Amino acid sequence: MSFDLTQNYFALFGLPVAYAIDRSALDQRYRELQRLAHPDRYASASDQERRIAMQQATRINEGYRVLKDRLARGTYLLELRGYHADNERSTHQDSAFLMEQMEMR
C-alpha cells in the first residue's frame, strides 16, 4: 500500500475538512489504514519498503491522534488555513492583570 504522505489528515482518512467529524468513520478508516500499512506486514520486505511502511504508519497514527482530539483538530484546521496558534509561547501581556493575579495570591 502506498499513499501520498503530503496530503492533509482529513484527506488521508477520507473525511471532509470540518471541525465536526464522524468519529466512527474516523475509527473505522484508522483500523483499515493500519491493517494495510502496519510495518509488521513488511517484516520480510526490503529496507526501503520497511522504511516507507514505517513512515506511512507514523503518518496514520499522527493523523488519528490529531483528528480524534477536539482541541488538536481545531488547531490543525487553523493551521490548514494559514493561522499558526503558538500555544506554548503565547502569553498574556497585560501588566494590570498580572498584578491583580499576584495580589489575589
PDB file of N, CA and C in Angstrom:
ATOM      1  N   MET A   1       0.846  -1.179   0.000  1.00  0.00           N
ATOM      2  CA  MET A   1       0.000   0.000   0.000  1.00  0.00           C
ATOM      3  C   MET A   1       0.884   1.232   0.000  1.00  0.00           C
ATOM      4  N   SER A   2       0.518   2.199  -0.788  1.00  0.00           N
ATOM      5  CA  SER A   2       1.253   3.449  -0.831  1.00  0.00           C
ATOM      6  C   SER A   2       0.265   4.597  -0.951  1.00  0.00           C
ATOM      7  N   PHE A   3       0.533   5.648  -0.210  1.00  0.00           N
ATOM      8  CA  PHE A   3      -0.310   6.819  -0.319  1.00  0.00           C
ATOM      9  C   PHE A   3       0.545   8.061  -0.182  1.00  0.00           C
ATOM     10  N   ASP A   4      -0.037   9.187  -0.517  1.00  0.00           N
ATOM     11  CA  ASP A   4       0.660  10.465  -0.523  1.00  0.00           C
ATOM     12  C   ASP A   4       0.862  10.944   0.914  1.00  0.00           C
ATOM     13  N   LEU A   5       2.089  10.979   1.364  1.00  0.00           N
ATOM     14  CA  LEU A   5       2.395  11.406   2.728  1.00  0.00           C
ATOM     15  C   LEU A   5       2.225  12.905   2.924  1.00  0.00           C
ATOM     16  N   THR A   6       2.008  13.647   1.842  1.00  0.00           N
ATOM     17  CA  THR A   6       1.861  15.094   1.976  1.00  0.00           C
ATOM     18  C   THR A   6       0.399  15.531   2.066  1.00  0.00           C
ATOM     19  N   GLN A   7      -0.533  14.611   1.866  1.00  0.00           N
ATOM     20  CA  GLN A   7      -1.934  15.005   1.938  1.00  0.00           C
ATOM     21  C   GLN A   7      -2.323  15.318   3.384  1.00  0.00           C
ATOM     22  N   ASN A   8      -3.332  16.175   3.542  1.00  0.00           N
ATOM     23  CA  ASN A   8      -3.726  16.525   4.909  1.00  0.00           C
ATOM     24  C   ASN A   8      -4.429  15.338   5.566  1.00  0.00           C
ATOM     25  N   TYR A   9      -4.563  15.412   6.878  1.00  0.00           N
ATOM     26  CA  TYR A   9      -5.122  14.286   7.638  1.00  0.00           C
ATOM     27  C   TYR A   9      -6.570  13.991   7.249  1.00  0.00           C
ATOM     28  N   PHE A  10      -7.331  15.022   6.916  1.00  0.00           N
ATOM     29  CA  PHE A  10      -8.720  14.793   6.518  1.00  0.00           C
ATOM     30  C   PHE A  10      -8.774  13.970   5.228  1.00  0.00           C
ATOM     31  N   ALA A  11      -7.946  14.322   4.266  1.00  0.00           N
ATOM     32  CA  ALA A  11      -7.893  13.572   3.008  1.00  0.00           C
ATOM     33  C   ALA A  11      -7.404  12.149   3.256  1.00  0.00           C
ATOM     34  N   LEU A  12      -6.419  12.008   4.116  1.00  0.00           N
ATOM     35  CA  LEU A  12      -5.881  10.689   4.444  1.00  0.00           C
ATOM     36  C   LEU A  12      -6.976   9.760   4.963  1.00  0.00           C
ATOM     37  N   PHE A  13      -7.858  10.298   5.797  1.00  0.00           N
ATOM     38  CA  PHE A  13      -8.911   9.486   6.391  1.00  0.00           C
ATOM     39  C   PHE A  13     -10.237   9.560   5.628  1.00  0.00           C
ATOM     40  N   GLY A  14     -10.231  10.265   4.489  1.00  0.00           N
ATOM     41  CA  GLY A  14     -11.434  10.339   3.669  1.00  0.00           C
ATOM     42  C   GLY A  14     -12.563  11.111   4.326  1.00  0.00           C
ATOM     43  N   LEU A  15     -12.218  12.120   5.095  1.00  0.00           N
ATOM     44  CA  LEU A  15     -13.217  12.925   5.800  1.00  0.00           C
ATOM     45  C   LEU A  15     -13.261  14.333   5.228  1.00  0.00           C
ATOM     46  N   PRO A  16     -14.408  14.990   5.318  1.00  0.00           N
ATOM     47  CA  PRO A  16     -14.472  16.394   4.883  1.00  0.00           C
ATOM     48  C   PRO A  16     -13.666  17.263   5.842  1.00  0.00           C
ATOM     49  N   VAL A  17     -13.096  18.330   5.323  1.00  0.00           N
ATOM     50  CA  VAL A  17     -12.320  19.255   6.149  1.00  0.00           C
ATOM     51  C   VAL A  17     -13.308  20.090   6.946  1.00  0.00           C
ATOM     52  N   ALA A  18     -13.542  19.682   8.190  1.00  0.00           N
ATOM     53  CA  ALA A  18     -14.511  20.353   9.056  1.00  0.00           C
ATOM     54  C   ALA A  18     -14.187  20.011  10.508  1.00  0.00           C
ATOM     55  N   TYR A  19     -14.636  20.875  11.403  1.00  0.00           N
ATOM     56  CA  TYR A  19     -14.399  20.609  12.831  1.00  0.00           C
ATOM     57  C   TYR A  19     -15.221  19.405  13.295  1.00  0.00           C
ATOM     58  N   ALA A  20     -16.483  19.363  12.904  1.00  0.00           N
ATOM     59  CA  ALA A  20     -17.344  18.235  13.276  1.00  0.00           C
ATOM     60  C   ALA A  20     -17.032  17.060  12.358  1.00  0.00           C
ATOM     61  N   ILE A  21     -16.635  15.962  12.951  1.00  0.00           N
ATOM     62  CA  ILE A  21     -16.317  14.777  12.160  1.00  0.00           C
ATOM     63  C   ILE A  21     -17.117  13.584  12.660  1.00  0.00           C
ATOM     64  N   ASP A  22     -17.226  12.592  11.826  1.00  0.00           N
ATOM     65  CA  ASP A  22     -17.871  11.333  12.183  1.00  0.00           C
ATOM     66  C   ASP A  22     -16.815  10.460  12.846  1.00  0.00           C
ATOM     67  N   ARG A  23     -16.866  10.374  14.164  1.00  0.00           N
ATOM     68  CA  ARG A  23     -15.836   9.655  14.909  1.00  0.00           C
ATOM     69  C   ARG A  23     -15.801   8.169  14.549  1.00  0.00           C
ATOM     70  N   SER A  24     -16.965   7.575  14.302  1.00  0.00           N
ATOM     71  CA  SER A  24     -16.968   6.153  13.945  1.00  0.00           C
ATOM     72  C   SER A  24     -16.322   5.935  12.580  1.00  0.00           C
ATOM     73  N   ALA A  25     -16.526   6.860  11.644  1.00  0.00           N
ATOM     74  CA  ALA A  25     -15.875   6.757  10.330  1.00  0.00           C
ATOM     75  C   ALA A  25     -14.368   6.920  10.476  1.00  0.00           C
ATOM     76  N   LEU A  26     -13.952   7.848  11.348  1.00  0.00           N
ATOM     77  CA  LEU A  26     -12.518   8.035  11.609  1.00  0.00           C
ATOM     78  C   LEU A  26     -11.915   6.760  12.176  1.00  0.00           C
ATOM     79  N   ASP A  27     -12.560   6.189  13.180  1.00  0.00           N
ATOM     80  CA  ASP A  27     -12.052   4.963  13.808  1.00  0.00           C
ATOM     81  C   ASP A  27     -11.975   3.809  12.811  1.00  0.00           C
ATOM     82  N   GLN A  28     -13.012   3.667  12.011  1.00  0.00           N
ATOM     83  CA  GLN A  28     -13.045   2.578  11.028  1.00  0.00           C
ATOM     84  C   GLN A  28     -11.933   2.743   9.996  1.00  0.00           C
ATOM     85  N   ARG A  29     -11.769   3.946   9.481  1.00  0.00           N
ATOM     86  CA  ARG A  29     -10.726   4.198   8.473  1.00  0.00           C
ATOM     87  C   ARG A  29      -9.343   4.015   9.077  1.00  0.00           C
ATOM     88  N   TYR A  30      -9.170   4.404  10.334  1.00  0.00           N
ATOM     89  CA  TYR A  30      -7.886   4.212  11.016  1.00  0.00           C
ATOM     90  C   TYR A  30      -7.530   2.728  11.057  1.00  0.00           C
ATOM     91  N   ARG A  31      -8.478   1.901  11.455  1.00  0.00           N
ATOM     92  CA  ARG A  31      -8.220   0.456  11.507  1.00  0.00           C
ATOM     93  C   ARG A  31      -7.876  -0.105  10.130  1.00  0.00           C
ATOM     94  N   GLU A  32      -8.584   0.357   9.094  1.00  0.00           N
ATOM     95  CA  GLU A  32      -8.307  -0.094   7.732  1.00  0.00           C
ATOM     96  C   GLU A  32      -6.894   0.288   7.299  1.00  0.00           C
ATOM     97  N   LEU A  33      -6.543   1.558   7.536  1.00  0.00           N
ATOM     98  CA  LEU A  33      -5.216   2.033   7.137  1.00  0.00           C
ATOM     99  C   LEU A  33      -4.113   1.314   7.907  1.00  0.00           C
ATOM    100  N   GLN A  34      -4.329   1.109   9.199  1.00  0.00           N
ATOM    101  CA  GLN A  34      -3.320   0.406   9.998  1.00  0.00           C
ATOM    102  C   GLN A  34      -3.146  -1.033   9.517  1.00  0.00           C
ATOM    103  N   ARG A  35      -4.237  -1.660   9.168  1.00  0.00           N
ATOM    104  CA  ARG A  35      -4.149  -3.039   8.680  1.00  0.00           C
ATOM    105  C   ARG A  35      -3.329  -3.105   7.390  1.00  0.00           C
ATOM    106  N   LEU A  36      -3.500  -2.115   6.527  1.00  0.00           N
ATOM    107  CA  LEU A  36      -2.799  -2.106   5.244  1.00  0.00           C
ATOM    108  C   LEU A  36      -1.337  -1.671   5.350  1.00  0.00           C
ATOM    109  N   ALA A  37      -1.053  -0.749   6.260  1.00  0.00           N
ATOM    110  CA  ALA A  37       0.285  -0.158   6.288  1.00  0.00           C
ATOM    111  C   ALA A  37       1.116  -0.558   7.493  1.00  0.00           C
ATOM    112  N   HIS A  38       0.630  -1.438   8.324  1.00  0.00           N
ATOM    113  CA  HIS A  38       1.379  -1.784   9.534  1.00  0.00           C
ATOM    114  C   HIS A  38       2.745  -2.357   9.175  1.00  0.00           C
ATOM    115  N   PRO A  39       3.803  -1.861   9.814  1.00  0.00           N
ATOM    116  CA  PRO A  39       5.169  -2.315   9.491  1.00  0.00           C
ATOM    117  C   PRO A  39       5.392  -3.821   9.632  1.00  0.00           C
ATOM    118  N   ASP A  40       4.642  -4.488  10.485  1.00  0.00           N
ATOM    119  CA  ASP A  40       4.809  -5.935  10.647  1.00  0.00           C
ATOM    120  C   ASP A  40       4.494  -6.689   9.355  1.00  0.00           C
ATOM    121  N   ARG A  41       3.652  -6.127   8.530  1.00  0.00           N
ATOM    122  CA  ARG A  41       3.326  -6.765   7.249  1.00  0.00           C
ATOM    123  C   ARG A  41       4.518  -6.737   6.299  1.00  0.00           C
ATOM    124  N   TYR A  42       5.492  -5.891   6.592  1.00  0.00           N
ATOM    125  CA  TYR A  42       6.645  -5.709   5.710  1.00  0.00           C
ATOM    126  C   TYR A  42       7.941  -6.227   6.343  1.00  0.00           C
ATOM    127  N   ALA A  43       7.818  -7.136   7.301  1.00  0.00           N
ATOM    128  CA  ALA A  43       8.988  -7.653   8.007  1.00  0.00           C
ATOM    129  C   ALA A  43      10.000  -8.310   7.075  1.00  0.00           C
ATOM    130  N   SER A  44       9.545  -8.967   6.032  1.00  0.00           N
ATOM    131  CA  SER A  44      10.464  -9.633   5.110  1.00  0.00           C
ATOM    132  C   SER A  44      10.711  -8.820   3.838  1.00  0.00           C
ATOM    133  N   ALA A  45      10.257  -7.585   3.821  1.00  0.00           N
ATOM    134  CA  ALA A  45      10.430  -6.719   2.648  1.00  0.00           C
ATOM    135  C   ALA A  45      11.819  -6.068   2.668  1.00  0.00           C
ATOM    136  N   SER A  46      12.114  -5.339   1.628  1.00  0.00           N
ATOM    137  CA  SER A  46      13.407  -4.651   1.550  1.00  0.00           C
ATOM    138  C   SER A  46      13.457  -3.523   2.578  1.00  0.00           C
ATOM    139  N   ASP A  47      14.660  -3.012   2.815  1.00  0.00           N
ATOM    140  CA  ASP A  47      14.829  -1.913   3.767  1.00  0.00           C
ATOM    141  C   ASP A  47      13.991  -0.702   3.369  1.00  0.00           C
ATOM    142  N   GLN A  48      13.975  -0.401   2.092  1.00  0.00           N
ATOM    143  CA  GLN A  48      13.220   0.746   1.609  1.00  0.00           C
ATOM    144  C   GLN A  48      11.719   0.560   1.852  1.00  0.00           C
ATOM    145  N   GLU A  49      11.217  -0.624   1.560  1.00  0.00           N
ATOM    146  CA  GLU A  49       9.789  -0.891   1.770  1.00  0.00           C
ATOM    147  C   GLU A  49       9.427  -0.824   3.254  1.00  0.00           C
ATOM    148  N   ARG A  50      10.307  -1.327   4.122  1.00  0.00           N
ATOM    149  CA  ARG A  50      10.053  -1.246   5.564  1.00  0.00           C
ATOM    150  C   ARG A  50      10.073   0.200   6.044  1.00  0.00           C
ATOM    151  N   ARG A  51      10.983   0.990   5.512  1.00  0.00           N
ATOM    152  CA  ARG A  51      11.070   2.405   5.888  1.00  0.00           C
ATOM    153  C   ARG A  51       9.812   3.163   5.444  1.00  0.00           C
ATOM    154  N   ILE A  52       9.353   2.878   4.246  1.00  0.00           N
ATOM    155  CA  ILE A  52       8.132   3.522   3.738  1.00  0.00           C
ATOM    156  C   ILE A  52       6.927   3.106   4.583  1.00  0.00           C
ATOM    157  N   ALA A  53       6.842   1.831   4.929  1.00  0.00           N
ATOM    158  CA  ALA A  53       5.743   1.346   5.770  1.00  0.00           C
ATOM    159  C   ALA A  53       5.762   2.040   7.127  1.00  0.00           C
ATOM    160  N   MET A  54       6.947   2.244   7.686  1.00  0.00           N
ATOM    161  CA  MET A  54       7.071   2.922   8.977  1.00  0.00           C
ATOM    162  C   MET A  54       6.625   4.382   8.848  1.00  0.00           C
ATOM    163  N   GLN A  55       7.004   5.040   7.766  1.00  0.00           N
ATOM    164  CA  GLN A  55       6.583   6.432   7.549  1.00  0.00           C
ATOM    165  C   GLN A  55       5.071   6.518   7.410  1.00  0.00           C
ATOM    166  N   GLN A  56       4.499   5.579   6.683  1.00  0.00           N
ATOM    167  CA  GLN A  56       3.055   5.578   6.497  1.00  0.00           C
ATOM    168  C   GLN A  56       2.331   5.325   7.820  1.00  0.00           C
ATOM    169  N   ALA A  57       2.794   4.365   8.590  1.00  0.00           N
ATOM    170  CA  ALA A  57       2.168   4.061   9.878  1.00  0.00           C
ATOM    171  C   ALA A  57       2.280   5.251  10.824  1.00  0.00           C
ATOM    172  N   THR A  58       3.427   5.913  10.800  1.00  0.00           N
ATOM    173  CA  THR A  58       3.620   7.093  11.645  1.00  0.00           C
ATOM    174  C   THR A  58       2.654   8.196  11.250  1.00  0.00           C
ATOM    175  N   ARG A  59       2.500   8.430   9.960  1.00  0.00           N
ATOM    176  CA  ARG A  59       1.582   9.459   9.460  1.00  0.00           C
ATOM    177  C   ARG A  59       0.139   9.117   9.833  1.00  0.00           C
ATOM    178  N   ILE A  60      -0.236   7.865   9.714  1.00  0.00           N
ATOM    179  CA  ILE A  60      -1.580   7.425  10.078  1.00  0.00           C
ATOM    180  C   ILE A  60      -1.828   7.652  11.568  1.00  0.00           C
ATOM    181  N   ASN A  61      -0.879   7.253  12.402  1.00  0.00           N
ATOM    182  CA  ASN A  61      -1.025   7.417  13.851  1.00  0.00           C
ATOM    183  C   ASN A  61      -1.124   8.886  14.247  1.00  0.00           C
ATOM    184  N   GLU A  62      -0.284   9.713  13.659  1.00  0.00           N
ATOM    185  CA  GLU A  62      -0.305  11.144  13.978  1.00  0.00           C
ATOM    186  C   GLU A  62      -1.612  11.774  13.523  1.00  0.00           C
ATOM    187  N   GLY A  63      -2.069  11.424  12.329  1.00  0.00           N
ATOM    188  CA  GLY A  63      -3.334  11.954  11.829  1.00  0.00           C
ATOM    189  C   GLY A  63      -4.503  11.544  12.705  1.00  0.00           C
ATOM    190  N   TYR A  64      -4.497  10.307  13.130  1.00  0.00           N
ATOM    191  CA  TYR A  64      -5.568   9.823  14.006  1.00  0.00           C
ATOM    192  C   TYR A  64      -5.544  10.551  15.342  1.00  0.00           C
ATOM    193  N   ARG A  65      -4.361  10.723  15.896  1.00  0.00           N
ATOM    194  CA  ARG A  65      -4.225  11.420  17.178  1.00  0.00           C
ATOM    195  C   ARG A  65      -4.764  12.844  17.080  1.00  0.00           C
ATOM    196  N   VAL A  66      -4.433  13.534  16.002  1.00  0.00           N
ATOM    197  CA  VAL A  66      -4.878  14.922  15.822  1.00  0.00           C
ATOM    198  C   VAL A  66      -6.381  14.991  15.601  1.00  0.00           C
ATOM    199  N   LEU A  67      -6.909  14.161  14.723  1.00  0.00           N
ATOM    200  CA  LEU A  67      -8.324  14.261  14.370  1.00  0.00           C
ATOM    201  C   LEU A  67      -9.256  13.785  15.478  1.00  0.00           C
ATOM    202  N   LYS A  68      -8.821  12.871  16.304  1.00  0.00           N
ATOM    203  CA  LYS A  68      -9.723  12.396  17.356  1.00  0.00           C
ATOM    204  C   LYS A  68      -9.783  13.358  18.539  1.00  0.00           C
ATOM    205  N   ASP A  69      -8.798  14.230  18.696  1.00  0.00           N
ATOM    206  CA  ASP A  69      -8.767  15.203  19.791  1.00  0.00           C
ATOM    207  C   ASP A  69      -9.357  16.530  19.313  1.00  0.00           C
ATOM    208  N   ARG A  70     -10.388  17.009  19.975  1.00  0.00           N
ATOM    209  CA  ARG A  70     -11.092  18.203  19.511  1.00  0.00           C
ATOM    210  C   ARG A  70     -10.203  19.439  19.485  1.00  0.00           C
ATOM    211  N   LEU A  71      -9.386  19.639  20.495  1.00  0.00           N
ATOM    212  CA  LEU A  71      -8.507  20.810  20.516  1.00  0.00           C
ATOM    213  C   LEU A  71      -7.436  20.711  19.433  1.00  0.00           C
ATOM    214  N   ALA A  72      -6.816  19.548  19.323  1.00  0.00           N
ATOM    215  CA  ALA A  72      -5.788  19.354  18.288  1.00  0.00           C
ATOM    216  C   ALA A  72      -6.384  19.491  16.893  1.00  0.00           C
ATOM    217  N   ARG A  73      -7.608  18.995  16.711  1.00  0.00           N
ATOM    218  CA  ARG A  73      -8.276  19.101  15.412  1.00  0.00           C
ATOM    219  C   ARG A  73      -8.561  20.566  15.072  1.00  0.00           C
ATOM    220  N   GLY A  74      -9.022  21.334  16.055  1.00  0.00           N
ATOM    221  CA  GLY A  74      -9.278  22.750  15.834  1.00  0.00           C
ATOM    222  C   GLY A  74      -8.011  23.505  15.477  1.00  0.00           C
ATOM    223  N   THR A  75      -6.935  23.218  16.193  1.00  0.00           N
ATOM    224  CA  THR A  75      -5.641  23.848  15.910  1.00  0.00           C
ATOM    225  C   THR A  75      -5.161  23.466  14.515  1.00  0.00           C
ATOM    226  N   TYR A  76      -5.332  22.203  14.154  1.00  0.00           N
ATOM    227  CA  TYR A  76      -4.929  21.727  12.832  1.00  0.00           C
ATOM    228  C   TYR A  76      -5.723  22.422  11.731  1.00  0.00           C
ATOM    229  N   LEU A  77      -7.018  22.598  11.941  1.00  0.00           N
ATOM    230  CA  LEU A  77      -7.840  23.307  10.962  1.00  0.00           C
ATOM    231  C   LEU A  77      -7.352  24.738  10.768  1.00  0.00           C
ATOM    232  N   LEU A  78      -6.989  25.393  11.869  1.00  0.00           N
ATOM    233  CA  LEU A  78      -6.440  26.750  11.764  1.00  0.00           C
ATOM    234  C   LEU A  78      -5.148  26.741  10.955  1.00  0.00           C
ATOM    235  N   GLU A  79      -4.288  25.768  11.222  1.00  0.00           N
ATOM    236  CA  GLU A  79      -3.013  25.675  10.504  1.00  0.00           C
ATOM    237  C   GLU A  79      -3.230  25.427   9.014  1.00  0.00           C
ATOM    238  N   LEU A  80      -4.228  24.619   8.683  1.00  0.00           N
ATOM    239  CA  LEU A  80      -4.529  24.370   7.271  1.00  0.00           C
ATOM    240  C   LEU A  80      -4.933  25.656   6.561  1.00  0.00           C
ATOM    241  N   ARG A  81      -5.492  26.579   7.308  1.00  0.00           N
ATOM    242  CA  ARG A  81      -5.937  27.850   6.734  1.00  0.00           C
ATOM    243  C   ARG A  81      -4.906  28.966   6.908  1.00  0.00           C
ATOM    244  N   GLY A  82      -3.706  28.601   7.376  1.00  0.00           N
ATOM    245  CA  GLY A  82      -2.620  29.566   7.455  1.00  0.00           C
ATOM    246  C   GLY A  82      -2.476  30.290   8.779  1.00  0.00           C
ATOM    247  N   TYR A  83      -3.253  29.931   9.792  1.00  0.00           N
ATOM    248  CA  TYR A  83      -3.135  30.542  11.118  1.00  0.00           C
ATOM    249  C   TYR A  83      -2.375  29.598  12.028  1.00  0.00           C
ATOM    250  N   HIS A  84      -1.307  30.095  12.613  1.00  0.00           N
ATOM    251  CA  HIS A  84      -0.500  29.245  13.481  1.00  0.00           C
ATOM    252  C   HIS A  84      -0.644  29.693  14.922  1.00  0.00           C
ATOM    253  N   ALA A  85      -1.314  28.854  15.696  1.00  0.00           N
ATOM    254  CA  ALA A  85      -1.506  29.122  17.116  1.00  0.00           C
ATOM    255  C   ALA A  85      -0.286  28.591  17.859  1.00  0.00           C
ATOM    256  N   ASP A  86       0.435  29.478  18.470  1.00  0.00           N
ATOM    257  CA  ASP A  86       1.629  29.105  19.220  1.00  0.00           C
ATOM    258  C   ASP A  86       1.270  29.070  20.700  1.00  0.00           C
ATOM    259  N   ASN A  87       0.576  28.009  21.096  1.00  0.00           N
ATOM    260  CA  ASN A  87       0.023  27.914  22.441  1.00  0.00           C
ATOM    261  C   ASN A  87       1.066  27.983  23.543  1.00  0.00           C
ATOM    262  N   GLU A  88       2.218  27.430  23.332  1.00  0.00           N
ATOM    263  CA  GLU A  88       3.204  27.366  24.396  1.00  0.00           C
ATOM    264  C   GLU A  88       3.992  28.652  24.558  1.00  0.00           C
ATOM    265  N   ARG A  89       3.995  29.487  23.564  1.00  0.00           N
ATOM    266  CA  ARG A  89       4.757  30.731  23.654  1.00  0.00           C
ATOM    267  C   ARG A  89       3.872  31.952  23.785  1.00  0.00           C
ATOM    268  N   SER A  90       2.588  31.764  23.594  1.00  0.00           N
ATOM    269  CA  SER A  90       1.658  32.882  23.668  1.00  0.00           C
ATOM    270  C   SER A  90       1.365  33.189  25.130  1.00  0.00           C
ATOM    271  N   THR A  91       1.628  34.412  25.543  1.00  0.00           N
ATOM    272  CA  THR A  91       1.382  34.809  26.924  1.00  0.00           C
ATOM    273  C   THR A  91       0.553  36.074  26.954  1.00  0.00           C
ATOM    274  N   HIS A  92      -0.045  36.305  28.083  1.00  0.00           N
ATOM    275  CA  HIS A  92      -0.861  37.492  28.280  1.00  0.00           C
ATOM    276  C   HIS A  92       0.063  38.628  28.714  1.00  0.00           C
ATOM    277  N   GLN A  93       0.048  39.752  28.038  1.00  0.00           N
ATOM    278  CA  GLN A  93       0.990  40.842  28.290  1.00  0.00           C
ATOM    279  C   GLN A  93       0.391  41.989  29.106  1.00  0.00           C
ATOM    280  N   ASP A  94      -0.774  41.819  29.684  1.00  0.00           N
ATOM    281  CA  ASP A  94      -1.429  42.875  30.434  1.00  0.00           C
ATOM    282  C   ASP A  94      -0.849  42.921  31.847  1.00  0.00           C
ATOM    283  N   SER A  95      -0.049  43.946  32.148  1.00  0.00           N
ATOM    284  CA  SER A  95       0.607  44.027  33.461  1.00  0.00           C
ATOM    285  C   SER A  95      -0.398  44.265  34.582  1.00  0.00           C
ATOM    286  N   ALA A  96      -1.482  44.985  34.315  1.00  0.00           N
ATOM    287  CA  ALA A  96      -2.502  45.202  35.345  1.00  0.00           C
ATOM    288  C   ALA A  96      -3.150  43.874  35.732  1.00  0.00           C
ATOM    289  N   PHE A  97      -3.404  43.043  34.747  1.00  0.00           N
ATOM    290  CA  PHE A  97      -3.973  41.723  35.009  1.00  0.00           C
ATOM    291  C   PHE A  97      -2.999  40.889  35.837  1.00  0.00           C
ATOM    292  N   LEU A  98      -1.732  40.934  35.489  1.00  0.00           N
ATOM    293  CA  LEU A  98      -0.720  40.195  36.233  1.00  0.00           C
ATOM    294  C   LEU A  98      -0.670  40.649  37.684  1.00  0.00           C
ATOM    295  N   MET A  99      -0.673  41.962  37.914  1.00  0.00           N
ATOM    296  CA  MET A  99      -0.629  42.490  39.283  1.00  0.00           C
ATOM    297  C   MET A  99      -1.865  42.048  40.069  1.00  0.00           C
ATOM    298  N   GLU A 100      -3.015  42.062  39.439  1.00  0.00           N
ATOM    299  CA  GLU A 100      -4.250  41.630  40.087  1.00  0.00           C
ATOM    300  C   GLU A 100      -4.151  40.168  40.513  1.00  0.00           C
ATOM    301  N   GLN A 101      -3.600  39.328  39.629  1.00  0.00           N
ATOM    302  CA  GLN A 101      -3.455  37.904  39.955  1.00  0.00           C
ATOM    303  C   GLN A 101      -2.469  37.691  41.098  1.00  0.00           C
ATOM    304  N   MET A 102      -1.388  38.476  41.091  1.00  0.00           N
ATOM    305  CA  MET A 102      -0.389  38.365  42.161  1.00  0.00           C
ATOM    306  C   MET A 102      -0.975  38.804  43.498  1.00  0.00           C
ATOM    307  N   GLU A 103      -1.780  39.847  43.496  1.00  0.00           N
ATOM    308  CA  GLU A 103      -2.405  40.314  44.730  1.00  0.00           C
ATOM    309  C   GLU A 103      -3.393  39.291  45.262  1.00  0.00           C
ATOM    310  N   MET A 104      -4.088  38.627  44.376  1.00  0.00           N
ATOM    311  CA  MET A 104      -5.061  37.606  44.796  1.00  0.00           C
ATOM    312  C   MET A 104      -4.369  36.427  45.473  1.00  0.00           C
ATOM    313  N   ARG A 105      -3.155  36.150  45.073  1.00  0.00           N
ATOM    314  CA  ARG A 105      -2.413  35.034  45.676  1.00  0.00           C
ATOM    315  C   ARG A 105      -1.855  35.461  47.004  1.00  0.00           C
TER     316      ARG A 105
END
